[in-house]
Amino acid sequence: MVQLDFPYGFDATGRTRTTDPVDHVRDLIEQVLFTAPGERVNRPQFGSGLLGLVFEPNSAALAAAARARVDGALQQWLT
């Protein structure tokens, strides 16, 4: 099955760029993890909120919060 590449673009022949299934899954995971909730107009809950943790002080609680956000977002949006 042919999947559209993300971000959308055109190849050298002027056709829509496609990708293999493994790269497509990677693209989907990146979209979920790097999208902030509220960023998408028609899906304001979409995303993980992971980027909001970037400047938090490093600790075991931060690691647990990051893991919970990643696990929850991937389960919610990719299953």
Protein backbone atom coordinates (compact mmCIF):
# COMPACT_ATOMS: atom_id res chain seq x y z
CA MET A 1 0.00 0.00 0.00
CA VAL A 2 1.31 3.44 -0.92
CA GLN A 3 1.28 6.12 1.78
CA LEU A 4 1.56 9.89 1.31
CA ASP A 5 4.74 11.35 2.75
CA PHE A 6 4.68 13.96 5.50
CA PRO A 7 5.12 16.83 5.11
CA TYR A 8 3.17 16.86 1.87
CA GLY A 9 5.28 17.56 -1.18
CA PHE A 10 6.10 16.62 -4.72
CA ASP A 11 8.80 14.33 -6.09
CA ALA A 12 11.13 15.02 -9.03
CA THR A 13 8.44 14.04 -11.55
CA GLY A 14 5.87 16.46 -10.11
CA ARG A 15 3.74 13.74 -8.54
CA THR A 16 2.70 13.54 -4.90
CA ARG A 17 5.59 12.22 -2.79
CA THR A 18 4.98 8.78 -1.26
CA THR A 19 6.74 6.77 1.40
CA ASP A 20 7.09 3.22 2.65
CA PRO A 21 4.99 1.89 5.58
CA VAL A 22 7.83 2.11 8.14
CA ASP A 23 8.52 5.78 7.38
CA HIS A 24 4.78 6.48 7.40
CA VAL A 25 4.45 5.14 10.96
CA ARG A 26 7.45 7.27 12.01
CA ASP A 27 5.73 10.33 10.47
CA LEU A 28 2.54 9.59 12.42
CA ILE A 29 4.43 9.25 15.72
CA GLU A 30 6.29 12.52 15.10
CA GLN A 31 3.03 14.32 14.36
CA VAL A 32 1.49 13.18 17.64
CA LEU A 33 4.54 13.89 19.80
CA PHE A 34 5.48 17.29 18.36
CA THR A 35 1.98 18.77 18.10
CA ALA A 36 0.85 20.88 21.03
CA PRO A 37 -2.77 20.50 22.18
CA GLY A 38 -4.77 23.38 20.73
CA GLU A 39 -2.52 23.69 17.69
CA ARG A 40 -4.95 22.01 15.27
CA VAL A 41 -8.14 23.89 14.58
CA ASN A 42 -10.51 20.96 14.04
CA ARG A 43 -8.88 18.71 16.65
CA PRO A 44 -7.90 20.89 19.60
CA GLN A 45 -7.20 17.88 21.86
CA PHE A 46 -4.74 16.32 19.36
CA GLY A 47 -1.11 16.16 20.47
CA SER A 48 0.95 15.20 23.47
CA GLY A 49 1.98 18.44 25.16
CA LEU A 50 5.49 17.04 25.35
CA LEU A 51 7.15 20.25 24.22
CA GLY A 52 5.81 21.96 27.34
CA LEU A 53 8.19 19.87 29.44
CA VAL A 54 11.38 21.00 27.67
CA PHE A 55 12.43 23.63 30.21
CA GLU A 56 11.33 21.79 33.35
CA PRO A 57 14.10 20.79 35.79
CA ASN A 58 15.35 17.25 35.33
CA SER A 59 13.98 14.79 37.89
CA ALA A 60 12.37 11.40 38.25
CA ALA A 61 8.97 13.10 38.32
CA LEU A 62 9.69 14.76 34.99
CA ALA A 63 10.70 11.44 33.45
CA ALA A 64 7.48 9.85 34.71
CA ALA A 65 5.37 12.75 33.41
CA ALA A 66 7.05 12.61 30.00
CA ARG A 67 6.56 8.86 29.74
CA ALA A 68 2.90 9.15 30.75
CA ARG A 69 2.27 11.88 28.16
CA VAL A 70 3.99 9.93 25.38
CA ASP A 71 2.24 6.65 26.21
CA GLY A 72 -1.17 8.28 26.60
CA ALA A 73 -0.97 10.35 23.42
CA LEU A 74 0.25 7.47 21.26
CA GLN A 75 -2.43 5.13 22.61
CA GLN A 76 -5.16 7.72 22.19
CA TRP A 77 -4.32 8.89 18.67
CA LEU A 78 -2.68 5.91 16.98
CA THR A 79 -4.85 2.97 18.02
